[in-house]
């Protein structure tokens, strides 16, 4: 999934062993709620409930950050996509949120204990196997990947 392009809110045709979805939500607080519900509806029964809860939490953080800190894509929207890819180890999952970008890219902060915000990317990093940011002509995409159950974060860091 690249950062640019459109999606029509449907399952996307992919290679054998892959399933992908792409939806457009408003660049508004309601966009996070819509994205969470769509993800939960589409992946219920396809992934374990505990993993689904992590996916929903990470997606909420990514969309919430896009609404708070970035410009919308043309049309006042954010593009949300997810992909399930079967492997010999299990299913790998990627979430991707594309927005119009911001003056400064996403970065982890060290919030004070009293801060009301600033922990979102720590949540993303803690729940996902890895995450990152890609820039393109349209804006930026923040993605998070989830490795199959049984893969440890330490193994992934050492291999990556």
Protein backbone atom coordinates (compact mmCIF):
# COMPACT_ATOMS: atom_id res chain seq x y z
CA UNK A 1 0.00 0.00 0.00
CA UNK A 2 1.51 3.25 -1.01
CA UNK A 3 0.74 6.62 0.44
CA UNK A 4 -1.00 8.09 -2.59
CA UNK A 5 -4.05 7.12 -4.54
CA UNK A 6 -7.69 6.64 -3.76
CA UNK A 7 -9.72 3.90 -2.20
CA UNK A 8 -13.41 3.31 -2.36
CA UNK A 9 -14.09 1.71 1.02
CA UNK A 10 -14.04 -1.86 -0.19
CA UNK A 11 -11.84 -4.91 -0.03
CA UNK A 12 -8.93 -4.52 -2.43
CA UNK A 13 -7.86 -7.33 -4.75
CA UNK A 14 -4.39 -8.55 -3.77
CA UNK A 15 -2.02 -11.44 -4.31
CA UNK A 16 -3.00 -14.91 -3.13
CA UNK A 17 -2.79 -15.14 0.64
CA UNK A 18 -3.46 -11.43 1.12
CA UNK A 19 -6.55 -9.41 1.95
CA UNK A 20 -6.61 -5.63 2.05
CA UNK A 21 -9.14 -2.94 2.86
CA UNK A 22 -9.08 0.77 2.24
CA UNK A 23 -11.55 3.32 3.57
CA UNK A 24 -11.77 7.09 3.60
CA UNK A 25 -12.88 8.83 6.78
CA UNK A 26 -13.43 12.50 7.59
CA UNK A 27 -10.51 14.56 8.89
CA UNK A 28 -12.48 15.01 12.08
CA UNK A 29 -12.68 13.33 15.49
CA UNK A 30 -15.54 11.19 14.14
CA UNK A 31 -13.10 9.75 11.58
CA UNK A 32 -11.29 7.75 14.28
CA UNK A 33 -14.57 6.25 15.49
CA UNK A 34 -15.61 5.30 11.95
CA UNK A 35 -12.20 3.75 11.22
CA UNK A 36 -12.22 1.74 14.48
CA UNK A 37 -15.69 0.35 13.82
CA UNK A 38 -14.89 -0.57 10.22
CA UNK A 39 -11.66 -2.32 11.20
CA UNK A 40 -13.37 -4.23 14.03
CA UNK A 41 -16.26 -5.27 11.76
CA UNK A 42 -13.99 -6.44 8.93
CA UNK A 43 -11.44 -8.33 11.06
CA UNK A 44 -13.72 -9.90 13.67
CA UNK A 45 -13.33 -13.65 13.27
CA UNK A 46 -10.17 -13.26 11.17
CA UNK A 47 -7.79 -12.41 14.01
CA UNK A 48 -7.80 -13.30 17.73
CA UNK A 49 -9.79 -10.89 19.93
CA UNK A 50 -6.72 -9.71 21.85
CA UNK A 51 -4.91 -8.84 18.61
CA UNK A 52 -8.03 -7.13 17.29
CA UNK A 53 -8.11 -4.97 20.44
CA UNK A 54 -4.47 -3.95 19.82
CA UNK A 55 -5.21 -3.19 16.16
CA UNK A 56 -8.20 -1.02 17.08
CA UNK A 57 -6.17 0.87 19.72
CA UNK A 58 -3.29 1.55 17.31
CA UNK A 59 -5.61 2.61 14.50
CA UNK A 60 -7.40 5.00 16.87
CA UNK A 61 -4.07 6.58 17.83
CA UNK A 62 -2.90 6.93 14.22
CA UNK A 63 -6.16 8.48 12.99
CA UNK A 64 -6.41 10.68 16.08
CA UNK A 65 -2.86 11.95 15.48
CA UNK A 66 -3.67 12.66 11.83
CA UNK A 67 -6.72 14.69 12.86
CA UNK A 68 -4.85 16.65 15.54
CA UNK A 69 -1.51 17.23 13.86
CA UNK A 70 -1.79 16.94 10.08
CA UNK A 71 -3.62 18.47 7.16
CA UNK A 72 -6.36 16.47 5.44
CA UNK A 73 -6.06 14.93 2.01
CA UNK A 74 -8.01 16.69 -0.76
CA UNK A 75 -11.70 16.54 0.08
CA UNK A 76 -11.09 16.90 3.83
CA UNK A 77 -10.41 13.20 4.40
CA UNK A 78 -7.89 10.70 5.76
CA UNK A 79 -7.20 7.39 4.03
CA UNK A 80 -7.11 4.33 6.28
CA UNK A 81 -5.94 0.96 5.01
CA UNK A 82 -5.07 -2.43 6.44
CA UNK A 83 -3.62 -5.58 4.95
CA UNK A 84 -3.47 -9.16 6.14
CA UNK A 85 -0.71 -11.24 4.56
CA UNK A 86 -0.43 -14.97 5.21
CA UNK A 87 3.05 -16.35 5.83
CA UNK A 88 4.43 -19.67 7.04
CA UNK A 89 4.65 -18.15 10.55
CA UNK A 90 1.07 -16.84 10.59
CA UNK A 91 -0.73 -13.70 9.48
CA UNK A 92 1.16 -10.42 9.27
CA UNK A 93 -0.96 -7.28 9.51
CA UNK A 94 -0.19 -3.73 8.45
CA UNK A 95 -2.25 -0.64 9.31
CA UNK A 96 -1.63 2.56 7.34
CA UNK A 97 -3.07 6.05 7.81
CA UNK A 98 -2.45 8.61 5.07
CA UNK A 99 -3.03 12.31 5.58
CA UNK A 100 -1.96 15.56 3.92
CA UNK A 101 1.16 15.84 6.04
CA UNK A 102 2.29 18.37 8.59
CA UNK A 103 5.12 20.84 8.93
CA UNK A 104 6.94 18.33 11.11
CA UNK A 105 6.73 14.55 10.88
CA UNK A 106 5.42 12.36 13.71
CA UNK A 107 7.89 11.75 16.52
CA UNK A 108 7.78 10.24 19.97
CA UNK A 109 7.83 12.71 22.84
CA UNK A 110 8.68 12.29 26.49
CA UNK A 111 5.56 13.74 28.14
CA UNK A 112 5.54 14.71 31.77
CA UNK A 113 3.47 12.62 34.16
CA UNK A 114 0.87 15.42 34.25
CA UNK A 115 0.62 15.85 30.46
CA UNK A 116 -2.80 15.20 28.98
CA UNK A 117 -1.36 13.96 25.69
CA UNK A 118 1.89 12.94 24.00
CA UNK A 119 1.71 9.19 24.58
CA UNK A 120 0.08 8.05 21.32
CA UNK A 121 3.18 6.93 19.45
CA UNK A 122 4.43 5.17 22.60
CA UNK A 123 1.19 3.16 22.50
CA UNK A 124 1.71 2.45 18.78
CA UNK A 125 5.31 1.34 19.39
CA UNK A 126 4.33 -0.79 22.38
CA UNK A 127 1.52 -2.67 20.68
CA UNK A 128 2.96 -3.10 17.18
CA UNK A 129 6.06 -4.96 16.01
CA UNK A 130 7.34 -1.86 14.24
CA UNK A 131 6.05 1.43 12.87
CA UNK A 132 7.26 4.18 10.57
CA UNK A 133 6.48 7.15 8.38
CA UNK A 134 6.66 7.51 4.59
CA UNK A 135 6.37 10.76 2.65
CA UNK A 136 5.12 11.06 -0.91
CA UNK A 137 3.77 13.77 -3.21
CA UNK A 138 0.33 13.61 -1.61
CA UNK A 139 1.33 13.78 2.04
CA UNK A 140 2.47 11.24 4.58
CA UNK A 141 1.56 7.74 5.68
CA UNK A 142 2.14 6.44 9.18
CA UNK A 143 2.11 2.66 9.32
CA UNK A 144 2.29 0.00 11.99
CA UNK A 145 2.99 -3.70 11.46
CA UNK A 146 1.99 -6.66 13.59
CA UNK A 147 3.93 -9.90 13.32
CA UNK A 148 2.34 -13.33 13.81
CA UNK A 149 1.84 -14.59 17.35
CA UNK A 150 5.02 -16.09 18.70
CA UNK A 151 7.36 -13.54 17.03
CA UNK A 152 9.07 -11.48 19.67
CA UNK A 153 9.87 -7.79 19.27
CA UNK A 154 13.49 -8.50 20.24
CA UNK A 155 13.82 -11.00 17.36
CA UNK A 156 12.36 -8.45 14.95
CA UNK A 157 14.68 -5.64 16.09
CA UNK A 158 17.71 -7.91 15.79
CA UNK A 159 16.65 -9.04 12.30
CA UNK A 160 15.66 -5.57 11.09
